[in-house]
Amino acid sequence: MTEYPEALKWKVHGERTVYDNRWVRVNLVDVEPPDGSRFEHHVVKLDHVAVALLVNDNEEILTLWRYRFAVDQWGYELIGGLVEEGEDPAATAAREAEEETGWKPVGEPEHIGQFQPLPGIIDAPVDAYLWRSAEKVGEPTDAEEAARIEWIPIDRILDLVRRGEVLGSGAIIPLLYYLASRDTGTTRSR
């Protein structure tokens, strides 16, 4: 078990919400770092998200090509969405894959892990799941999710990430995990 020095932990003296709606909440947190200073720190809270990484027998990754207005950029993303109250995150990822692409994940997923994209200021848990099989069951039910749905060879992914064509940590982290684990043999074999 790892021991954490209590003296380096920040103390939280209180918290108040300054903005709240269905999609985002902004809190001011009264904190005291180890140096003894005290101030209010902004914390953005977002809903829990689940992401699906689907890999087929040809070592291709199912992606969405879409436009994100907040960063004014087109790029590739993995499939994912908000975890509904009481829903298992793996079920969310599978549901979103089918709704957004028409591809239904098959079998039990491998939980890649949970991560926080920017933990210094944003609380936004993301669970990522890997499926090695999917079947085409129909067309996407939400045509606005992507301009195109594409299976991309895994060997192209690193270059796409390097060029900034893969958007967001919700896609980049699972993809890089998958690439790294292939080289070390830590993912389950087919």
N, C-alpha and C. Protein backbone atom coordinates (compact mmCIF):
# COMPACT_ATOMS: atom_id res chain seq x y z
N MET A 1 0.83 -1.18 0.00
CA MET A 1 0.00 0.00 0.00
C MET A 1 0.89 1.25 0.00
N THR A 2 0.53 2.20 -0.84
CA THR A 2 1.27 3.44 -0.92
C THR A 2 0.86 4.36 0.23
N GLU A 3 1.83 4.93 0.87
CA GLU A 3 1.53 5.90 1.92
C GLU A 3 1.63 7.30 1.34
N TYR A 4 0.70 8.15 1.73
CA TYR A 4 0.65 9.52 1.25
C TYR A 4 0.91 10.46 2.42
N PRO A 5 1.86 11.37 2.29
CA PRO A 5 2.15 12.29 3.39
C PRO A 5 0.98 13.24 3.63
N GLU A 6 0.34 13.11 4.76
CA GLU A 6 -0.82 13.93 5.11
C GLU A 6 -0.47 15.42 5.06
N ALA A 7 0.77 15.77 5.38
CA ALA A 7 1.19 17.18 5.40
C ALA A 7 1.14 17.83 4.03
N LEU A 8 1.14 17.03 2.94
CA LEU A 8 1.11 17.59 1.59
C LEU A 8 -0.30 17.66 1.00
N LYS A 9 -1.27 17.18 1.74
CA LYS A 9 -2.65 17.20 1.27
C LYS A 9 -3.25 18.59 1.49
N TRP A 10 -3.98 19.07 0.49
CA TRP A 10 -4.67 20.36 0.63
C TRP A 10 -5.89 20.18 1.52
N LYS A 11 -6.17 21.17 2.37
CA LYS A 11 -7.37 21.15 3.22
C LYS A 11 -8.49 21.90 2.51
N VAL A 12 -9.68 21.34 2.58
CA VAL A 12 -10.87 21.98 2.02
C VAL A 12 -11.70 22.48 3.19
N HIS A 13 -11.94 23.81 3.21
CA HIS A 13 -12.70 24.42 4.31
C HIS A 13 -14.16 24.66 3.96
N GLY A 14 -14.50 24.56 2.69
CA GLY A 14 -15.88 24.78 2.28
C GLY A 14 -15.96 24.87 0.77
N GLU A 15 -17.20 24.89 0.30
CA GLU A 15 -17.42 24.91 -1.14
C GLU A 15 -18.77 25.55 -1.42
N ARG A 16 -18.83 26.35 -2.49
CA ARG A 16 -20.12 26.94 -2.88
C ARG A 16 -20.24 26.91 -4.39
N THR A 17 -21.46 26.67 -4.85
CA THR A 17 -21.74 26.62 -6.28
C THR A 17 -22.01 28.03 -6.77
N VAL A 18 -21.33 28.42 -7.85
CA VAL A 18 -21.55 29.74 -8.44
C VAL A 18 -22.27 29.66 -9.78
N TYR A 19 -22.32 28.48 -10.37
CA TYR A 19 -23.07 28.28 -11.62
C TYR A 19 -23.45 26.81 -11.70
N ASP A 20 -24.69 26.53 -12.11
CA ASP A 20 -25.14 25.15 -12.19
C ASP A 20 -26.22 25.02 -13.24
N ASN A 21 -26.04 24.08 -14.17
CA ASN A 21 -27.10 23.71 -15.08
C ASN A 21 -26.98 22.22 -15.38
N ARG A 22 -27.71 21.73 -16.33
CA ARG A 22 -27.72 20.29 -16.64
C ARG A 22 -26.35 19.78 -17.07
N TRP A 23 -25.50 20.61 -17.68
CA TRP A 23 -24.27 20.15 -18.30
C TRP A 23 -23.00 20.45 -17.52
N VAL A 24 -23.03 21.50 -16.71
CA VAL A 24 -21.80 21.91 -16.03
C VAL A 24 -22.14 22.61 -14.72
N ARG A 25 -21.29 22.37 -13.73
CA ARG A 25 -21.42 23.09 -12.45
C ARG A 25 -20.04 23.68 -12.13
N VAL A 26 -20.05 24.92 -11.70
CA VAL A 26 -18.80 25.58 -11.31
C VAL A 26 -18.90 25.90 -9.83
N ASN A 27 -17.92 25.40 -9.07
CA ASN A 27 -17.87 25.64 -7.63
C ASN A 27 -16.64 26.47 -7.30
N LEU A 28 -16.74 27.25 -6.25
CA LEU A 28 -15.59 27.90 -5.65
C LEU A 28 -15.31 27.13 -4.37
N VAL A 29 -14.10 26.62 -4.26
CA VAL A 29 -13.73 25.79 -3.12
C VAL A 29 -12.71 26.56 -2.28
N ASP A 30 -13.01 26.70 -1.01
CA ASP A 30 -12.12 27.36 -0.05
C ASP A 30 -11.05 26.35 0.34
N VAL A 31 -9.81 26.56 -0.17
CA VAL A 31 -8.74 25.59 0.03
C VAL A 31 -7.55 26.20 0.74
N GLU A 32 -6.79 25.32 1.37
CA GLU A 32 -5.55 25.70 2.03
C GLU A 32 -4.46 24.70 1.63
N PRO A 33 -3.53 25.11 0.74
CA PRO A 33 -2.43 24.21 0.38
C PRO A 33 -1.45 24.08 1.54
N PRO A 34 -0.47 23.20 1.41
CA PRO A 34 0.48 22.95 2.51
C PRO A 34 1.24 24.19 2.99
N ASP A 35 1.36 25.23 2.16
CA ASP A 35 2.10 26.42 2.59
C ASP A 35 1.32 27.29 3.56
N GLY A 36 0.05 26.94 3.83
CA GLY A 36 -0.76 27.66 4.81
C GLY A 36 -1.55 28.82 4.24
N SER A 37 -1.34 29.17 2.97
CA SER A 37 -2.16 30.21 2.36
C SER A 37 -3.59 29.69 2.20
N ARG A 38 -4.52 30.57 1.98
CA ARG A 38 -5.90 30.15 1.85
C ARG A 38 -6.57 31.00 0.79
N PHE A 39 -7.31 30.35 -0.13
CA PHE A 39 -7.96 31.07 -1.22
C PHE A 39 -9.09 30.22 -1.79
N GLU A 40 -9.89 30.85 -2.66
CA GLU A 40 -10.95 30.12 -3.34
C GLU A 40 -10.43 29.67 -4.71
N HIS A 41 -10.66 28.41 -5.01
CA HIS A 41 -10.19 27.81 -6.26
C HIS A 41 -11.41 27.35 -7.05
N HIS A 42 -11.45 27.67 -8.35
CA HIS A 42 -12.55 27.21 -9.20
C HIS A 42 -12.41 25.71 -9.46
N VAL A 43 -13.54 25.01 -9.40
CA VAL A 43 -13.60 23.60 -9.80
C VAL A 43 -14.82 23.44 -10.70
N VAL A 44 -14.57 22.92 -11.90
CA VAL A 44 -15.64 22.63 -12.85
C VAL A 44 -16.01 21.17 -12.69
N LYS A 45 -17.30 20.90 -12.52
CA LYS A 45 -17.77 19.52 -12.35
C LYS A 45 -18.64 19.14 -13.55
N LEU A 46 -18.25 18.03 -14.18
CA LEU A 46 -18.98 17.51 -15.33
C LEU A 46 -19.48 16.11 -15.00
N ASP A 47 -20.47 15.66 -15.75
CA ASP A 47 -21.02 14.32 -15.54
C ASP A 47 -20.01 13.23 -15.90
N HIS A 48 -20.23 12.08 -15.34
CA HIS A 48 -19.46 10.87 -15.60
C HIS A 48 -19.69 10.44 -17.06
N VAL A 49 -18.61 10.11 -17.76
CA VAL A 49 -18.69 9.71 -19.17
C VAL A 49 -18.11 8.31 -19.31
N ALA A 50 -18.66 7.54 -20.25
CA ALA A 50 -18.11 6.22 -20.59
C ALA A 50 -17.79 6.21 -22.08
N VAL A 51 -16.64 5.61 -22.41
CA VAL A 51 -16.13 5.59 -23.78
C VAL A 51 -15.93 4.14 -24.23
N ALA A 52 -16.25 3.89 -25.50
CA ALA A 52 -16.09 2.55 -26.09
C ALA A 52 -14.97 2.57 -27.13
N LEU A 53 -14.02 1.67 -26.95
CA LEU A 53 -12.96 1.44 -27.93
C LEU A 53 -13.27 0.09 -28.57
N LEU A 54 -13.70 0.11 -29.82
CA LEU A 54 -14.04 -1.11 -30.54
C LEU A 54 -12.93 -1.42 -31.54
N VAL A 55 -12.37 -2.63 -31.44
CA VAL A 55 -11.29 -3.08 -32.31
C VAL A 55 -11.79 -4.33 -33.03
N ASN A 56 -11.63 -4.33 -34.36
CA ASN A 56 -12.09 -5.52 -35.11
C ASN A 56 -10.92 -6.48 -35.38
N ASP A 57 -11.21 -7.57 -36.06
CA ASP A 57 -10.20 -8.60 -36.33
C ASP A 57 -9.08 -8.11 -37.23
N ASN A 58 -9.32 -7.02 -37.96
CA ASN A 58 -8.29 -6.45 -38.84
C ASN A 58 -7.44 -5.39 -38.13
N GLU A 59 -7.58 -5.31 -36.80
CA GLU A 59 -6.86 -4.30 -36.01
C GLU A 59 -7.21 -2.89 -36.47
N GLU A 60 -8.52 -2.66 -36.64
CA GLU A 60 -9.04 -1.34 -36.97
C GLU A 60 -9.88 -0.85 -35.80
N ILE A 61 -9.89 0.46 -35.61
CA ILE A 61 -10.61 1.11 -34.51
C ILE A 61 -11.82 1.83 -35.08
N LEU A 62 -12.98 1.64 -34.46
CA LEU A 62 -14.19 2.34 -34.89
C LEU A 62 -14.16 3.77 -34.35
N THR A 63 -14.26 4.75 -35.26
CA THR A 63 -14.18 6.16 -34.87
C THR A 63 -15.33 6.96 -35.46
N LEU A 64 -15.52 8.12 -34.86
CA LEU A 64 -16.43 9.12 -35.40
C LEU A 64 -15.57 10.30 -35.88
N TRP A 65 -15.85 10.81 -37.07
CA TRP A 65 -15.21 12.02 -37.57
C TRP A 65 -16.25 13.12 -37.40
N ARG A 66 -15.90 14.14 -36.60
CA ARG A 66 -16.91 15.16 -36.29
C ARG A 66 -16.28 16.52 -36.04
N TYR A 67 -17.14 17.53 -36.03
CA TYR A 67 -16.73 18.90 -35.77
C TYR A 67 -17.09 19.26 -34.34
N ARG A 68 -16.15 19.90 -33.63
CA ARG A 68 -16.39 20.40 -32.28
C ARG A 68 -16.24 21.92 -32.28
N PHE A 69 -17.38 22.61 -32.11
CA PHE A 69 -17.38 24.07 -32.20
C PHE A 69 -16.58 24.73 -31.09
N ALA A 70 -16.52 24.12 -29.91
CA ALA A 70 -15.84 24.76 -28.77
C ALA A 70 -14.35 24.99 -29.07
N VAL A 71 -13.76 24.12 -29.88
CA VAL A 71 -12.35 24.27 -30.25
C VAL A 71 -12.20 24.54 -31.75
N ASP A 72 -13.33 24.69 -32.46
CA ASP A 72 -13.36 24.98 -33.89
C ASP A 72 -12.45 24.01 -34.65
N GLN A 73 -12.72 22.71 -34.47
CA GLN A 73 -11.84 21.71 -35.06
C GLN A 73 -12.61 20.46 -35.48
N TRP A 74 -12.21 19.88 -36.61
CA TRP A 74 -12.66 18.57 -37.04
C TRP A 74 -11.67 17.54 -36.54
N GLY A 75 -12.15 16.35 -36.21
CA GLY A 75 -11.22 15.31 -35.80
C GLY A 75 -11.93 14.00 -35.49
N TYR A 76 -11.10 13.00 -35.19
CA TYR A 76 -11.60 11.69 -34.83
C TYR A 76 -11.84 11.60 -33.33
N GLU A 77 -12.88 10.88 -32.96
CA GLU A 77 -13.19 10.59 -31.57
C GLU A 77 -13.61 9.13 -31.45
N LEU A 78 -13.53 8.62 -30.22
CA LEU A 78 -14.14 7.33 -29.94
C LEU A 78 -15.60 7.59 -29.59
N ILE A 79 -16.35 6.53 -29.45
CA ILE A 79 -17.77 6.62 -29.14
C ILE A 79 -17.93 6.73 -27.63
N GLY A 80 -18.85 7.55 -27.18
CA GLY A 80 -19.07 7.66 -25.74
C GLY A 80 -20.22 8.58 -25.41
N GLY A 81 -20.53 8.63 -24.12
CA GLY A 81 -21.61 9.50 -23.69
C GLY A 81 -21.74 9.52 -22.19
N LEU A 82 -22.73 10.27 -21.74
CA LEU A 82 -22.97 10.45 -20.31
C LEU A 82 -23.56 9.19 -19.69
N VAL A 83 -23.04 8.82 -18.54
CA VAL A 83 -23.56 7.70 -17.78
C VAL A 83 -24.85 8.16 -17.09
N GLU A 84 -25.94 7.52 -17.42
CA GLU A 84 -27.22 7.89 -16.81
C GLU A 84 -27.28 7.38 -15.37
N GLU A 85 -28.06 8.06 -14.53
CA GLU A 85 -28.15 7.68 -13.12
C GLU A 85 -28.55 6.22 -12.99
N GLY A 86 -27.78 5.46 -12.22
CA GLY A 86 -28.05 4.05 -11.99
C GLY A 86 -27.55 3.13 -13.08
N GLU A 87 -26.99 3.68 -14.16
CA GLU A 87 -26.51 2.86 -15.27
C GLU A 87 -25.05 2.46 -15.06
N ASP A 88 -24.73 1.23 -15.39
CA ASP A 88 -23.35 0.77 -15.35
C ASP A 88 -22.58 1.45 -16.49
N PRO A 89 -21.38 2.01 -16.23
CA PRO A 89 -20.64 2.69 -17.28
C PRO A 89 -20.37 1.82 -18.52
N ALA A 90 -20.14 0.51 -18.34
CA ALA A 90 -19.92 -0.37 -19.50
C ALA A 90 -21.19 -0.44 -20.35
N ALA A 91 -22.35 -0.46 -19.72
CA ALA A 91 -23.62 -0.47 -20.45
C ALA A 91 -23.79 0.84 -21.21
N THR A 92 -23.37 1.95 -20.60
CA THR A 92 -23.44 3.24 -21.29
C THR A 92 -22.59 3.21 -22.55
N ALA A 93 -21.35 2.75 -22.43
CA ALA A 93 -20.44 2.71 -23.58
C ALA A 93 -21.02 1.84 -24.69
N ALA A 94 -21.57 0.69 -24.34
CA ALA A 94 -22.16 -0.21 -25.35
C ALA A 94 -23.38 0.43 -25.99
N ARG A 95 -24.24 1.05 -25.18
CA ARG A 95 -25.44 1.71 -25.70
C ARG A 95 -25.07 2.83 -26.66
N GLU A 96 -24.10 3.65 -26.25
CA GLU A 96 -23.68 4.77 -27.09
C GLU A 96 -23.08 4.28 -28.41
N ALA A 97 -22.31 3.19 -28.37
CA ALA A 97 -21.73 2.65 -29.60
C ALA A 97 -22.83 2.28 -30.59
N GLU A 98 -23.83 1.60 -30.10
CA GLU A 98 -24.91 1.19 -30.99
C GLU A 98 -25.70 2.39 -31.51
N GLU A 99 -26.03 3.33 -30.61
CA GLU A 99 -26.80 4.51 -31.01
C GLU A 99 -26.04 5.39 -32.00
N GLU A 100 -24.76 5.60 -31.74
CA GLU A 100 -23.98 6.56 -32.53
C GLU A 100 -23.42 5.98 -33.82
N THR A 101 -23.27 4.64 -33.90
CA THR A 101 -22.62 4.05 -35.08
C THR A 101 -23.43 2.95 -35.77
N GLY A 102 -24.36 2.34 -35.06
CA GLY A 102 -25.05 1.18 -35.60
C GLY A 102 -24.29 -0.12 -35.38
N TRP A 103 -23.13 -0.04 -34.71
CA TRP A 103 -22.33 -1.22 -34.37
C TRP A 103 -22.55 -1.56 -32.91
N LYS A 104 -22.92 -2.82 -32.64
CA LYS A 104 -23.17 -3.28 -31.28
C LYS A 104 -21.96 -4.06 -30.78
N PRO A 105 -21.35 -3.62 -29.66
CA PRO A 105 -20.24 -4.38 -29.09
C PRO A 105 -20.71 -5.78 -28.69
N VAL A 106 -19.84 -6.78 -28.89
CA VAL A 106 -20.16 -8.17 -28.60
C VAL A 106 -19.24 -8.66 -27.48
N GLY A 107 -19.84 -9.32 -26.50
CA GLY A 107 -19.07 -9.91 -25.41
C GLY A 107 -18.82 -8.95 -24.27
N GLU A 108 -18.07 -9.44 -23.31
CA GLU A 108 -17.73 -8.64 -22.13
C GLU A 108 -16.56 -7.70 -22.47
N PRO A 109 -16.65 -6.46 -22.05
CA PRO A 109 -15.55 -5.53 -22.34
C PRO A 109 -14.41 -5.68 -21.34
N GLU A 110 -13.26 -5.20 -21.74
CA GLU A 110 -12.13 -5.03 -20.83
C GLU A 110 -12.19 -3.59 -20.34
N HIS A 111 -12.21 -3.41 -19.03
CA HIS A 111 -12.20 -2.05 -18.48
C HIS A 111 -10.77 -1.54 -18.55
N ILE A 112 -10.54 -0.58 -19.42
CA ILE A 112 -9.20 -0.01 -19.57
C ILE A 112 -8.83 0.78 -18.33
N GLY A 113 -9.80 1.48 -17.77
CA GLY A 113 -9.56 2.24 -16.56
C GLY A 113 -10.44 3.47 -16.49
N GLN A 114 -10.32 4.16 -15.37
CA GLN A 114 -11.01 5.44 -15.18
C GLN A 114 -9.94 6.51 -15.04
N PHE A 115 -10.20 7.67 -15.64
CA PHE A 115 -9.24 8.76 -15.55
C PHE A 115 -9.97 10.09 -15.45
N GLN A 116 -9.25 11.07 -14.99
CA GLN A 116 -9.71 12.45 -14.90
C GLN A 116 -8.87 13.26 -15.87
N PRO A 117 -9.48 13.88 -16.89
CA PRO A 117 -8.71 14.58 -17.92
C PRO A 117 -7.88 15.77 -17.41
N LEU A 118 -8.39 16.59 -16.52
CA LEU A 118 -7.67 17.76 -16.01
C LEU A 118 -7.96 17.92 -14.53
N PRO A 119 -7.38 17.07 -13.66
CA PRO A 119 -7.77 17.02 -12.26
C PRO A 119 -7.41 18.24 -11.42
N GLY A 120 -6.62 19.16 -11.95
CA GLY A 120 -6.29 20.35 -11.19
C GLY A 120 -7.43 21.34 -11.08
N ILE A 121 -8.39 21.26 -12.01
CA ILE A 121 -9.49 22.22 -12.00
C ILE A 121 -10.82 21.62 -12.43
N ILE A 122 -10.79 20.43 -13.05
CA ILE A 122 -12.02 19.83 -13.57
C ILE A 122 -12.22 18.44 -12.97
N ASP A 123 -13.43 18.18 -12.46
CA ASP A 123 -13.82 16.86 -11.97
C ASP A 123 -14.75 16.27 -13.02
N ALA A 124 -14.20 15.37 -13.86
CA ALA A 124 -14.95 14.80 -14.97
C ALA A 124 -14.51 13.35 -15.19
N PRO A 125 -15.01 12.41 -14.38
CA PRO A 125 -14.56 11.02 -14.51
C PRO A 125 -14.94 10.40 -15.85
N VAL A 126 -13.98 9.69 -16.44
CA VAL A 126 -14.20 8.99 -17.71
C VAL A 126 -13.79 7.53 -17.51
N ASP A 127 -14.71 6.62 -17.83
CA ASP A 127 -14.41 5.19 -17.83
C ASP A 127 -14.28 4.75 -19.28
N ALA A 128 -13.21 4.01 -19.59
CA ALA A 128 -12.99 3.54 -20.95
C ALA A 128 -13.04 2.01 -20.99
N TYR A 129 -13.68 1.49 -22.03
CA TYR A 129 -13.87 0.05 -22.19
C TYR A 129 -13.44 -0.39 -23.59
N LEU A 130 -12.85 -1.57 -23.65
CA LEU A 130 -12.37 -2.15 -24.90
C LEU A 130 -13.19 -3.39 -25.25
N TRP A 131 -13.70 -3.40 -26.49
CA TRP A 131 -14.34 -4.59 -27.05
C TRP A 131 -13.56 -5.01 -28.28
N ARG A 132 -13.39 -6.29 -28.45
CA ARG A 132 -12.65 -6.82 -29.60
C ARG A 132 -13.57 -7.40 -30.67
N SER A 133 -14.85 -7.18 -30.51
CA SER A 133 -15.80 -7.68 -31.49
C SER A 133 -17.05 -6.79 -31.47
N ALA A 134 -17.60 -6.58 -32.66
CA ALA A 134 -18.84 -5.81 -32.78
C ALA A 134 -19.57 -6.29 -34.03
N GLU A 135 -20.89 -6.16 -33.99
CA GLU A 135 -21.67 -6.55 -35.16
C GLU A 135 -22.52 -5.37 -35.62
N LYS A 136 -22.65 -5.23 -36.93
CA LYS A 136 -23.46 -4.16 -37.51
C LYS A 136 -24.92 -4.55 -37.32
N VAL A 137 -25.68 -3.71 -36.59
CA VAL A 137 -27.08 -4.03 -36.31
C VAL A 137 -28.05 -3.02 -36.91
N GLY A 138 -27.52 -1.99 -37.52
CA GLY A 138 -28.40 -0.98 -38.11
C GLY A 138 -27.63 0.30 -38.40
N GLU A 139 -28.40 1.35 -38.55
CA GLU A 139 -27.82 2.66 -38.80
C GLU A 139 -27.82 3.47 -37.50
N PRO A 140 -26.97 4.48 -37.41
CA PRO A 140 -26.97 5.33 -36.21
C PRO A 140 -28.35 5.95 -35.99
N THR A 141 -28.75 6.09 -34.75
CA THR A 141 -30.05 6.70 -34.45
C THR A 141 -29.94 8.20 -34.27
N ASP A 142 -28.72 8.73 -34.19
CA ASP A 142 -28.52 10.18 -34.07
C ASP A 142 -27.56 10.63 -35.16
N ALA A 143 -28.11 11.14 -36.25
CA ALA A 143 -27.31 11.52 -37.41
C ALA A 143 -26.38 12.71 -37.13
N GLU A 144 -26.62 13.44 -36.05
CA GLU A 144 -25.79 14.61 -35.75
C GLU A 144 -24.51 14.26 -34.99
N GLU A 145 -24.33 13.01 -34.60
CA GLU A 145 -23.15 12.62 -33.83
C GLU A 145 -21.87 12.67 -34.65
N ALA A 146 -21.96 12.36 -35.94
CA ALA A 146 -20.73 12.29 -36.73
C ALA A 146 -21.00 12.61 -38.19
N ALA A 147 -20.02 13.24 -38.84
CA ALA A 147 -20.09 13.45 -40.28
C ALA A 147 -19.80 12.13 -40.98
N ARG A 148 -18.96 11.30 -40.33
CA ARG A 148 -18.66 10.00 -40.90
C ARG A 148 -18.24 9.03 -39.79
N ILE A 149 -18.56 7.77 -40.00
CA ILE A 149 -18.16 6.68 -39.10
C ILE A 149 -17.13 5.88 -39.86
N GLU A 150 -15.98 5.64 -39.22
CA GLU A 150 -14.87 5.06 -39.97
C GLU A 150 -14.07 4.08 -39.11
N TRP A 151 -13.73 2.93 -39.71
CA TRP A 151 -12.80 1.99 -39.10
C TRP A 151 -11.40 2.40 -39.57
N ILE A 152 -10.53 2.75 -38.63
CA ILE A 152 -9.19 3.22 -38.95
C ILE A 152 -8.17 2.17 -38.52
N PRO A 153 -7.22 1.82 -39.40
CA PRO A 153 -6.18 0.87 -39.01
C PRO A 153 -5.39 1.39 -37.80
N ILE A 154 -5.16 0.53 -36.84
CA ILE A 154 -4.48 0.92 -35.60
C ILE A 154 -3.10 1.51 -35.90
N ASP A 155 -2.47 1.08 -36.98
CA ASP A 155 -1.15 1.60 -37.32
C ASP A 155 -1.16 3.07 -37.73
N ARG A 156 -2.33 3.63 -38.01
CA ARG A 156 -2.44 5.06 -38.36
C ARG A 156 -2.69 5.94 -37.14
N ILE A 157 -3.09 5.34 -36.03
CA ILE A 157 -3.56 6.12 -34.88
C ILE A 157 -2.49 7.04 -34.30
N LEU A 158 -1.31 6.53 -34.08
CA LEU A 158 -0.26 7.36 -33.46
C LEU A 158 0.03 8.61 -34.28
N ASP A 159 0.07 8.47 -35.59
CA ASP A 159 0.30 9.64 -36.45
C ASP A 159 -0.87 10.62 -36.37
N LEU A 160 -2.09 10.11 -36.32
CA LEU A 160 -3.27 10.99 -36.19
C LEU A 160 -3.23 11.76 -34.87
N VAL A 161 -2.85 11.08 -33.78
CA VAL A 161 -2.73 11.75 -32.48
C VAL A 161 -1.64 12.83 -32.57
N ARG A 162 -0.51 12.49 -33.12
CA ARG A 162 0.62 13.42 -33.24
C ARG A 162 0.22 14.68 -34.02
N ARG A 163 -0.59 14.51 -35.06
CA ARG A 163 -1.00 15.64 -35.90
C ARG A 163 -2.19 16.41 -35.31
N GLY A 164 -2.69 15.98 -34.15
CA GLY A 164 -3.81 16.68 -33.53
C GLY A 164 -5.15 16.37 -34.16
N GLU A 165 -5.25 15.26 -34.86
CA GLU A 165 -6.50 14.89 -35.52
C GLU A 165 -7.39 13.99 -34.68
N VAL A 166 -6.92 13.60 -33.51
CA VAL A 166 -7.75 12.85 -32.57
C VAL A 166 -8.11 13.84 -31.46
N LEU A 167 -9.41 14.03 -31.26
CA LEU A 167 -9.88 15.07 -30.34
C LEU A 167 -10.15 14.51 -28.95
N GLY A 168 -9.61 15.16 -27.96
CA GLY A 168 -9.96 14.91 -26.59
C GLY A 168 -9.27 13.73 -25.93
N SER A 169 -9.08 13.88 -24.63
CA SER A 169 -8.43 12.83 -23.85
C SER A 169 -9.28 11.57 -23.78
N GLY A 170 -10.61 11.70 -23.94
CA GLY A 170 -11.49 10.53 -23.91
C GLY A 170 -11.21 9.58 -25.06
N ALA A 171 -10.60 10.06 -26.12
CA ALA A 171 -10.18 9.21 -27.23
C ALA A 171 -8.69 8.91 -27.14
N ILE A 172 -7.89 9.91 -26.87
CA ILE A 172 -6.43 9.75 -26.90
C ILE A 172 -5.94 8.76 -25.84
N ILE A 173 -6.42 8.87 -24.63
CA ILE A 173 -5.94 7.98 -23.56
C ILE A 173 -6.24 6.51 -23.85
N PRO A 174 -7.49 6.13 -24.19
CA PRO A 174 -7.73 4.71 -24.49
C PRO A 174 -6.93 4.22 -25.70
N LEU A 175 -6.79 5.06 -26.72
CA LEU A 175 -6.04 4.66 -27.91
C LEU A 175 -4.57 4.43 -27.58
N LEU A 176 -3.95 5.35 -26.84
CA LEU A 176 -2.55 5.19 -26.48
C LEU A 176 -2.37 4.00 -25.54
N TYR A 177 -3.32 3.79 -24.64
CA TYR A 177 -3.27 2.61 -23.77
C TYR A 177 -3.26 1.34 -24.62
N TYR A 178 -4.17 1.28 -25.59
CA TYR A 178 -4.26 0.09 -26.43
C TYR A 178 -2.96 -0.13 -27.19
N LEU A 179 -2.42 0.93 -27.78
CA LEU A 179 -1.16 0.81 -28.51
C LEU A 179 -0.03 0.34 -27.59
N ALA A 180 0.07 0.93 -26.41
CA ALA A 180 1.15 0.56 -25.48
C ALA A 180 0.98 -0.86 -24.97
N SER A 181 -0.25 -1.28 -24.71
CA SER A 181 -0.47 -2.61 -24.16
C SER A 181 -0.24 -3.69 -25.21
N ARG A 182 -0.42 -3.38 -26.48
CA ARG A 182 -0.12 -4.35 -27.54
C ARG A 182 1.36 -4.67 -27.53
N ASP A 183 2.18 -3.65 -27.32
CA ASP A 183 3.63 -3.83 -27.34
C ASP A 183 4.13 -4.59 -26.11
N THR A 184 3.40 -4.48 -24.99
CA THR A 184 3.87 -5.13 -23.77
C THR A 184 3.13 -6.43 -23.48
N GLY A 185 2.09 -6.70 -24.26
CA GLY A 185 1.33 -7.93 -24.07
C GLY A 185 0.42 -7.91 -22.86
N THR A 186 0.04 -6.71 -22.38
CA THR A 186 -0.80 -6.64 -21.18
C THR A 186 -2.29 -6.67 -21.48
N THR A 187 -2.69 -6.53 -22.73
CA THR A 187 -4.13 -6.68 -23.02
C THR A 187 -4.42 -8.15 -23.18
N ARG A 188 -5.67 -8.51 -22.94
CA ARG A 188 -6.07 -9.91 -23.10
C ARG A 188 -5.87 -10.33 -24.55
N SER A 189 -5.49 -11.55 -24.75
CA SER A 189 -5.32 -12.04 -26.11
C SER A 189 -6.67 -12.35 -26.72
N ARG A 190 -6.68 -12.39 -28.01
CA ARG A 190 -7.94 -12.66 -28.75
C ARG A 190 -8.39 -14.07 -28.55
